[in-house]
Protein backbone atom coordinates (compact mmCIF):
# COMPACT_ATOMS: atom_id res chain seq x y z
CA UNK A 1 79.67 82.64 113.03
CA UNK A 2 81.17 79.17 113.47
CA UNK A 3 81.38 76.86 116.45
CA UNK A 4 83.61 73.93 117.29
CA UNK A 5 82.04 70.50 117.78
CA UNK A 6 81.62 69.26 121.33
CA UNK A 7 82.11 65.55 120.92
CA UNK A 8 83.28 63.00 118.38
CA UNK A 9 83.14 59.40 117.36
CA UNK A 10 86.59 59.63 115.77
CA UNK A 11 88.69 58.61 118.74
CA UNK A 12 88.59 57.62 122.39
CA UNK A 13 87.26 60.28 124.73
CA UNK A 14 90.68 61.19 126.13
CA UNK A 15 92.15 61.79 122.68
CA UNK A 16 89.21 63.98 121.70
CA UNK A 17 89.54 65.88 124.98
CA UNK A 18 93.18 66.56 124.07
CA UNK A 19 92.07 67.91 120.69
CA UNK A 20 89.52 70.22 122.31
CA UNK A 21 92.07 71.52 124.83
CA UNK A 22 94.38 72.44 121.95
CA UNK A 23 91.48 74.13 120.15
CA UNK A 24 90.49 76.16 123.18
CA UNK A 25 94.12 77.23 123.59
CA UNK A 26 94.16 78.48 120.01
CA UNK A 27 96.79 75.92 118.99
CA UNK A 28 95.33 75.22 115.54
CA UNK A 29 98.47 73.57 114.16
CA UNK A 30 98.43 71.15 117.11
CA UNK A 31 94.74 70.46 116.49
CA UNK A 32 95.46 69.49 112.89
CA UNK A 33 98.39 67.31 113.93
CA UNK A 34 96.19 65.45 116.41
CA UNK A 35 93.45 65.06 113.81
CA UNK A 36 95.79 63.90 111.04
CA UNK A 37 95.33 60.13 111.57
CA UNK A 38 91.55 60.49 111.51
CA UNK A 39 91.63 62.79 108.46
CA UNK A 40 93.63 60.16 106.59
CA UNK A 41 90.82 57.67 107.08
CA UNK A 42 88.56 56.91 104.12
CA UNK A 43 85.55 58.38 105.94
CA UNK A 44 86.59 60.99 108.55
CA UNK A 45 83.97 61.62 111.21
CA UNK A 46 81.77 64.71 110.84
CA UNK A 47 83.23 66.47 113.89
CA UNK A 48 86.73 65.87 112.58
CA UNK A 49 85.89 67.53 109.25
CA UNK A 50 84.25 70.51 110.95
CA UNK A 51 87.11 71.14 113.35
CA UNK A 52 89.74 70.64 110.66
CA UNK A 53 87.96 73.20 108.44
CA UNK A 54 87.87 75.73 111.28
CA UNK A 55 91.53 75.16 112.18
CA UNK A 56 92.68 75.54 108.58
CA UNK A 57 90.61 78.71 108.26
CA UNK A 58 92.15 80.27 111.38
CA UNK A 59 95.62 79.44 110.08
CA UNK A 60 94.81 81.10 106.77
CA UNK A 61 95.00 77.76 104.94
CA UNK A 62 91.84 78.52 103.02
CA UNK A 63 91.93 75.94 100.19
CA UNK A 64 92.30 73.15 102.77
CA UNK A 65 89.52 74.68 104.87
CA UNK A 66 87.26 74.81 101.82
CA UNK A 67 87.97 71.19 100.98
CA UNK A 68 87.07 69.92 104.47
CA UNK A 69 83.96 72.07 104.82
CA UNK A 70 82.77 71.02 101.36
CA UNK A 71 83.15 67.38 102.41
CA UNK A 72 80.93 68.05 105.43
CA UNK A 73 78.31 69.91 103.37
CA UNK A 74 78.22 67.11 100.79
CA UNK A 75 77.25 64.74 103.59
CA UNK A 76 74.68 67.09 105.14
CA UNK A 77 73.20 69.25 102.37
CA UNK A 78 70.07 69.89 104.44
CA UNK A 79 71.97 71.59 107.28
CA UNK A 80 71.84 75.40 106.93
CA UNK A 81 74.74 75.92 109.37
CA UNK A 82 77.08 73.95 107.10
CA UNK A 83 76.28 76.20 104.14
CA UNK A 84 76.88 79.30 106.29
CA UNK A 85 80.31 78.04 107.34
CA UNK A 86 81.12 77.19 103.71
CA UNK A 87 80.14 80.72 102.67
CA UNK A 88 82.48 82.18 105.31
CA UNK A 89 85.43 80.33 103.81
CA UNK A 90 84.43 81.24 100.26
CA UNK A 91 84.24 84.89 101.32
CA UNK A 92 87.74 84.71 102.79
CA UNK A 93 88.93 83.32 99.44
CA UNK A 94 87.32 86.21 97.59
CA UNK A 95 84.71 83.90 96.03
CA UNK A 96 81.85 86.35 96.56
CA UNK A 97 79.41 84.84 94.06
CA UNK A 98 79.97 81.33 95.40
CA UNK A 99 79.49 82.63 98.95
CA UNK A 100 76.18 84.24 98.01
CA UNK A 101 75.06 80.98 96.40
CA UNK A 102 75.89 79.06 99.59
CA UNK A 103 73.98 81.57 101.71
CA UNK A 104 71.00 81.32 99.36
CA UNK A 105 71.03 77.55 100.00
CA UNK A 106 71.16 78.19 103.75
CA UNK A 107 68.25 80.64 103.66
CA UNK A 108 66.19 78.31 101.49
CA UNK A 109 66.59 75.70 104.24
CA UNK A 110 66.03 78.15 107.12
CA UNK A 111 64.84 81.70 106.31
CA UNK A 112 65.11 82.62 110.00
CA UNK A 113 68.91 82.27 110.11
CA UNK A 114 70.08 85.70 111.25
CA UNK A 115 73.73 84.80 110.56
CA UNK A 116 72.94 83.98 106.93
CA UNK A 117 71.21 87.34 106.38
CA UNK A 118 74.08 89.14 108.12
CA UNK A 119 76.81 87.41 106.10
CA UNK A 120 74.82 87.94 102.92
CA UNK A 121 74.81 91.66 103.67
CA UNK A 122 78.59 91.62 104.02
CA UNK A 123 79.03 89.95 100.63
CA UNK A 124 76.56 92.31 98.97
CA UNK A 125 78.59 95.22 100.32
CA UNK A 126 81.66 93.73 98.66
CA UNK A 127 79.69 93.62 95.40
CA UNK A 128 78.81 97.29 95.80
CA UNK A 129 75.07 96.69 96.30
CA UNK A 130 74.63 98.76 99.46
CA UNK A 131 70.85 98.96 99.15
CA UNK A 132 70.38 95.19 99.15
CA UNK A 133 73.04 94.89 101.87
CA UNK A 134 71.13 97.31 104.10
CA UNK A 135 67.97 95.23 103.68
CA UNK A 136 69.90 92.08 104.63
CA UNK A 137 71.40 93.71 107.73
CA UNK A 138 68.02 95.07 108.74
CA UNK A 139 66.49 91.59 108.45
CA UNK A 140 69.34 90.14 110.53
CA UNK A 141 68.62 92.77 113.19
CA UNK A 142 64.93 91.89 113.23
CA UNK A 143 65.78 88.21 113.76
CA UNK A 144 68.43 88.93 116.41
CA UNK A 145 67.42 92.20 118.12
CA UNK A 146 69.76 91.51 121.02
CA UNK A 147 72.83 91.77 118.77
CA UNK A 148 74.36 95.15 117.94
CA UNK A 149 76.44 94.03 114.93
CA UNK A 150 73.56 94.21 112.42
CA UNK A 151 73.06 97.83 113.48
CA UNK A 152 76.76 98.58 112.99
CA UNK A 153 76.67 97.15 109.49
CA UNK A 154 73.44 98.97 108.68
CA UNK A 155 75.33 102.17 109.39
CA UNK A 156 78.11 101.20 106.98
CA UNK A 157 75.56 100.43 104.26
CA UNK A 158 73.91 103.80 104.87
CA UNK A 159 77.28 105.51 104.47
CA UNK A 160 77.73 103.78 101.13
CA UNK A 161 74.31 105.13 100.16
CA UNK A 162 75.33 108.64 101.22
CA UNK A 163 72.89 108.70 104.14
CA UNK A 164 75.50 109.85 106.62
CA UNK A 165 73.18 111.49 109.12
CA UNK A 166 71.20 108.27 109.58
CA UNK A 167 74.41 106.27 109.88
CA UNK A 168 75.82 108.60 112.52
CA UNK A 169 72.59 108.49 114.54
CA UNK A 170 72.61 104.67 114.51
CA UNK A 171 76.22 104.39 115.66
CA UNK A 172 75.85 107.03 118.37
CA UNK A 173 72.86 105.10 119.69
CA UNK A 174 74.87 101.86 119.62
CA UNK A 175 77.77 103.24 121.69
CA UNK A 176 75.31 104.89 124.07
CA UNK A 177 73.55 101.57 124.62
CA UNK A 178 76.71 99.43 124.56
CA UNK A 179 79.54 101.70 125.81
CA UNK A 180 81.81 98.71 126.35
CA UNK A 181 81.38 97.37 122.81
CA UNK A 182 84.64 97.82 120.92
CA UNK A 183 83.01 97.03 117.58
CA UNK A 184 80.53 99.85 118.21
CA UNK A 185 83.28 102.42 118.64
CA UNK A 186 85.02 101.04 115.57
CA UNK A 187 81.81 101.44 113.59
CA UNK A 188 81.37 104.99 114.86
CA UNK A 189 84.92 105.74 113.76
CA UNK A 190 84.15 104.44 110.29
CA UNK A 191 81.19 106.83 110.00
CA UNK A 192 83.30 109.78 111.16
CA UNK A 193 85.93 108.73 108.61
CA UNK A 194 83.35 108.84 105.82
CA UNK A 195 82.35 112.29 107.06
CA UNK A 196 86.02 113.34 106.73
CA UNK A 197 86.26 114.07 110.47
CA UNK A 198 89.57 112.30 111.03
CA UNK A 199 90.04 113.58 114.58
CA UNK A 200 86.73 112.09 115.73
CA UNK A 201 87.42 108.91 113.77
CA UNK A 202 90.82 108.44 115.38
CA UNK A 203 89.42 109.00 118.88
CA UNK A 204 86.75 106.38 118.22
CA UNK A 205 89.29 103.81 116.99
CA UNK A 206 91.55 104.47 119.96
CA UNK A 207 88.59 103.94 122.28
CA UNK A 208 87.87 100.65 120.50
CA UNK A 209 91.36 99.25 121.08
CA UNK A 210 91.32 100.42 124.69
CA UNK A 211 88.30 98.16 125.15
CA UNK A 212 89.58 95.30 123.00
CA UNK A 213 93.27 95.38 122.15
CA UNK A 214 92.77 92.49 119.72
CA UNK A 215 90.17 94.17 117.50
CA UNK A 216 91.96 93.97 114.16
CA UNK A 217 89.62 96.28 112.24
CA UNK A 218 90.15 99.16 114.66
CA UNK A 219 93.94 98.94 114.32
CA UNK A 220 93.67 98.77 110.53
CA UNK A 221 91.15 101.61 110.27
CA UNK A 222 93.19 103.84 112.57
CA UNK A 223 96.22 103.23 110.37
CA UNK A 224 94.31 104.61 107.38
CA UNK A 225 93.32 107.73 109.30
CA UNK A 226 96.87 108.29 110.56
CA UNK A 227 98.14 108.02 106.99
CA UNK A 228 95.61 110.69 105.91
CA UNK A 229 96.83 112.86 108.80
CA UNK A 230 100.38 112.50 107.44
CA UNK A 231 101.64 110.58 110.47
CA UNK A 232 103.30 107.74 108.52
CA UNK A 233 105.31 106.17 111.34
CA UNK A 234 102.25 105.81 113.56
CA UNK A 235 100.19 104.61 110.61
CA UNK A 236 102.68 101.86 109.84
CA UNK A 237 102.82 100.88 113.53
CA UNK A 238 99.04 100.47 113.75
CA UNK A 239 98.88 98.62 110.43
CA UNK A 240 101.62 96.19 111.49
CA UNK A 241 99.73 95.50 114.67
CA UNK A 242 96.65 94.59 112.62
CA UNK A 243 98.77 92.13 110.63
CA UNK A 244 100.27 90.65 113.81
CA UNK A 245 96.77 90.08 115.15
CA UNK A 246 95.91 87.96 112.13
CA UNK A 247 94.04 90.59 110.13
CA UNK A 248 94.48 88.60 106.95
CA UNK A 249 93.90 90.07 103.52
CA UNK A 250 92.45 93.41 104.65
CA UNK A 251 95.28 94.09 107.12
CA UNK A 252 97.94 93.17 104.56
CA UNK A 253 96.35 95.55 102.07
CA UNK A 254 96.15 98.38 104.61
CA UNK A 255 99.82 97.98 105.54
CA UNK A 256 100.77 97.97 101.86
CA UNK A 257 98.77 101.14 101.16
CA UNK A 258 100.28 102.89 104.19
CA UNK A 259 103.80 101.98 103.07
CA UNK A 260 103.08 103.21 99.52
CA UNK A 261 102.08 106.59 100.94
CA UNK A 262 105.34 106.63 102.92
CA UNK A 263 107.33 105.60 99.81
CA UNK A 264 108.58 102.37 101.37
CA UNK A 265 108.09 100.70 98.03
CA UNK A 266 109.74 97.25 98.25
CA UNK A 267 107.95 96.28 101.46
CA UNK A 268 104.74 97.87 100.23
CA UNK A 269 104.81 95.64 97.16
CA UNK A 270 105.31 92.57 99.34
CA UNK A 271 102.17 93.25 101.40
CA UNK A 272 100.01 94.31 98.46
CA UNK A 273 100.96 91.17 96.53
CA UNK A 274 100.09 89.11 99.59
CA UNK A 275 96.67 90.79 99.78
CA UNK A 276 96.17 90.13 96.08
CA UNK A 277 96.95 86.44 96.50
CA UNK A 278 94.00 86.15 98.87
CA UNK A 279 91.65 88.28 96.78
CA UNK A 280 92.77 88.61 93.14
CA UNK A 281 89.96 91.10 92.54
CA UNK A 282 91.03 93.60 95.23
CA UNK A 283 90.88 96.85 93.26
CA UNK A 284 92.50 98.89 96.05
CA UNK A 285 95.56 96.61 96.08
CA UNK A 286 95.72 96.60 92.27
CA UNK A 287 95.43 100.38 92.12
CA UNK A 288 98.34 100.84 94.52
CA UNK A 289 100.43 98.19 92.78
CA UNK A 290 100.00 100.10 89.53
CA UNK A 291 101.43 103.15 91.29
CA UNK A 292 104.46 101.13 92.37
CA UNK A 293 104.85 99.61 88.91
CA UNK A 294 104.97 103.09 87.37
CA UNK A 295 107.43 104.44 89.95
CA UNK A 296 109.71 101.42 89.65
CA UNK A 297 109.34 101.13 85.85
CA UNK A 298 108.27 97.51 86.17
CA UNK A 299 106.38 97.37 82.88
CA UNK A 300 105.70 93.63 82.89
CA UNK A 301 104.06 93.89 86.31
CA UNK A 302 102.16 96.99 85.19
CA UNK A 303 100.69 95.13 82.21
CA UNK A 304 99.70 92.22 84.44
CA UNK A 305 98.10 94.38 87.13
CA UNK A 306 96.35 96.62 84.60
CA UNK A 307 94.78 93.60 82.91
CA UNK A 308 93.61 92.30 86.30
CA UNK A 309 92.14 95.72 87.10
CA UNK A 310 90.49 95.91 83.67
CA UNK A 311 88.78 92.59 84.36
CA UNK A 312 87.38 93.99 87.60
CA UNK A 313 86.03 97.24 86.21
CA UNK A 314 84.42 95.38 83.29
CA UNK A 315 82.50 93.49 85.98
CA UNK A 316 81.50 96.77 87.65
CA UNK A 317 83.88 96.44 90.61
CA UNK A 318 85.58 99.81 90.94
CA UNK A 319 85.87 100.35 94.71
CA UNK A 320 89.05 102.28 95.46
CA UNK A 321 89.72 102.96 91.78
CA UNK A 322 90.52 106.59 91.02
CA UNK A 323 89.90 107.16 87.29
CA UNK A 324 92.32 110.06 87.04
CA UNK A 325 95.16 107.69 87.87
CA UNK A 326 94.47 105.82 84.65
CA UNK A 327 95.46 108.90 82.63
CA UNK A 328 99.12 107.88 82.80
CA UNK A 329 98.42 104.26 81.84
CA UNK A 330 97.78 102.62 78.45
CA UNK A 331 94.00 102.92 78.74
CA UNK A 332 91.86 103.99 75.78
CA UNK A 333 89.55 106.99 75.86
CA UNK A 334 86.40 104.85 75.68
CA UNK A 335 87.54 102.70 78.60
CA UNK A 336 88.53 105.73 80.64
CA UNK A 337 85.17 107.36 80.05
CA UNK A 338 83.30 104.16 80.99
CA UNK A 339 85.23 103.82 84.25
CA UNK A 340 84.73 107.50 85.08
CA UNK A 341 80.99 107.25 84.46
CA UNK A 342 80.80 104.19 86.72
CA UNK A 343 82.75 106.00 89.43
CA UNK A 344 80.55 109.11 89.23
CA UNK A 345 77.38 107.00 89.28
CA UNK A 346 78.63 105.23 92.43
CA UNK A 347 79.65 108.42 94.20
CA UNK A 348 76.52 110.39 93.37
CA UNK A 349 73.91 107.65 93.53
CA UNK A 350 72.62 109.18 96.78
CA UNK A 351 72.40 112.77 95.52
CA UNK A 352 68.90 114.00 94.80
CA UNK A 353 68.33 115.72 91.44
CA UNK A 354 68.82 119.47 91.57
CA UNK A 355 65.59 121.41 91.85
CA UNK A 356 64.77 123.54 88.80
CA UNK A 357 66.13 127.03 89.19
CA UNK A 358 68.29 126.23 92.19
CA UNK A 359 71.44 127.58 90.56
CA UNK A 360 69.76 130.44 88.72
CA UNK A 361 71.89 133.57 88.57
CA UNK A 362 70.24 136.50 90.34
CA UNK A 363 71.08 139.35 88.02
CA UNK A 364 69.59 141.97 90.29
CA UNK A 365 72.03 141.39 93.17
CA UNK A 366 74.64 144.13 93.72
CA UNK A 367 77.94 143.22 92.12
CA UNK A 368 80.83 142.97 94.63
CA UNK A 369 83.75 145.28 94.25
CA UNK A 370 85.97 142.33 93.39
CA UNK A 371 84.91 139.09 91.75
CA UNK A 372 85.69 136.08 93.94
CA UNK A 373 87.42 133.22 92.10
CA UNK A 374 88.02 129.85 93.73
CA UNK A 375 90.33 127.08 92.52
CA UNK A 376 89.77 123.56 93.83
CA UNK A 377 92.76 121.23 94.10
CA UNK A 378 94.33 118.64 96.37
CA UNK A 379 97.81 119.83 95.34
CA UNK A 380 98.32 123.24 96.97
CA UNK A 381 101.92 122.45 97.93
CA UNK A 382 105.19 121.69 96.14
CA UNK A 383 103.53 119.63 93.45
CA UNK A 384 103.68 119.77 89.65
CA UNK A 385 100.08 120.97 89.41
CA UNK A 386 100.70 124.00 91.63
CA UNK A 387 104.06 124.78 90.04
CA UNK A 388 102.48 124.85 86.59
CA UNK A 389 99.42 126.83 87.75
CA UNK A 390 101.19 129.34 90.00
CA UNK A 391 101.71 131.81 87.16
CA UNK A 392 97.98 131.83 86.46
CA UNK A 393 97.21 132.59 90.10
CA UNK A 394 99.71 135.46 90.15
CA UNK A 395 98.40 137.07 86.97
CA UNK A 396 94.95 137.83 88.39
CA UNK A 397 94.48 141.57 88.82
CA UNK A 398 93.99 141.68 92.59
CA UNK A 399 92.17 144.98 92.31
CA UNK A 400 89.46 143.18 90.31
CA UNK A 401 89.64 139.60 91.62
CA UNK A 402 89.78 138.01 95.07
CA UNK A 403 91.48 134.63 94.65
CA UNK A 404 90.95 131.59 96.88
CA UNK A 405 92.53 128.17 96.81
CA UNK A 406 90.12 125.54 98.14
CA UNK A 407 92.18 122.56 99.25
CA UNK A 408 90.46 119.21 98.76
CA UNK A 409 93.33 117.22 100.27
CA UNK A 410 95.21 117.23 103.54
CA UNK A 411 96.38 120.81 104.08
CA UNK A 412 98.96 121.32 106.80
CA UNK A 413 99.01 124.69 108.49
CA UNK A 414 102.02 123.69 110.61
CA UNK A 415 104.29 123.36 107.58
CA UNK A 416 104.66 126.67 105.70
CA UNK A 417 104.86 126.20 101.97
CA UNK A 418 105.99 128.90 99.50
CA UNK A 419 103.26 127.79 97.11
CA UNK A 420 100.68 129.20 99.50
CA UNK A 421 101.76 132.78 98.87
CA UNK A 422 101.69 132.28 95.11
CA UNK A 423 98.24 130.67 95.07
CA UNK A 424 96.53 133.32 97.17
CA UNK A 425 94.37 132.68 100.22
CA UNK A 426 94.16 128.93 100.87
CA UNK A 427 91.21 127.46 102.70
CA UNK A 428 90.74 123.83 103.64
CA UNK A 429 87.72 122.44 101.86
CA UNK A 430 86.33 119.21 103.34
CA UNK A 431 84.49 117.18 100.76
CA UNK A 432 81.30 115.41 101.84
CA UNK A 433 81.40 113.01 98.96
CA UNK A 434 81.73 109.30 99.88
CA UNK A 435 85.35 108.32 100.34
CA UNK A 436 86.78 106.55 97.32
């Protein structure tokens, strides 16, 4: 959390009042224009540096924001708030390690800074350390019990740990206590999304934007759900609104992913590249760019994006990376196995070991008249997998076998598909694994 300065020694009172009026009106470009003469001075005043950093950050001019905030911190290294603001800018630039270092400096100066614990939790989540993130959010909540946002983020950390029931209970208590809190409904939607209940998730996001039409995250999250529900036009509309509201890197990535799913490839590439400029380590953007590179036969781009992705997974950052997609790329068997093991470890970190004998076959049970066989797939429609497998489904002796297709993906009952008859009885199967 950052605040604008209230006074300054940089200029006469009337000039500073003009700057503050522009700031309060959200006219950041005007603020910077008014501050330009003072910023050109050999020693800009402290308030000038702070406000310039904030204005640059709001305009998305992050290198300039970093420069001005670093100048302020260099002058006041004993001020925890300065380190917190510096960490915010570093986080926006994708400099997660540097941001954590800045927050460590802030907490060394003032261990009671709730904002530092909260922001540290956010950065730890980006590193994939949900356990440490949960502890940081919990500490932030202890220091600021009147604020609901640490609770919301605790729920997201719990989801990452696979503790969905606890996460849901927290978010339901938040919206019950703060029914007018848009961020609470957005957080509840995120939990429902992780539980694969898209209808509940969408209702929660819609409630969030009814309360606060400028809540970027709710627009962006709803776009992802609408894409999963195969409503591409609505998904793109919600994603574009998130971008219009200044959603930055995350909104640009969401719009790009939505457009990839709708096969609007040239515009999708534009938004994904923009997201990657802000965070070169964004594995979700890289993963989707690799899809576009393959479809468009852009081999130079594919090599570049694959190398960037390889750098990330070697550092253990595999969020959004689906190992099976690497099968069609020039990735060695050892690398593919390493990535797959990392992905499985992340997905199943919350699963308790199976009790001995849990899956023991009970030989004494009566044998059913027909053996039930189930095939799991996300491709029970006109897809190469089903086309190639359909003959196998049809060759089961139906007097001896009862065949089921268990659909892991989005299965539309309102769109009859001839593959359904060939595969047998299709049932939607909703995975409870953490979303990739």
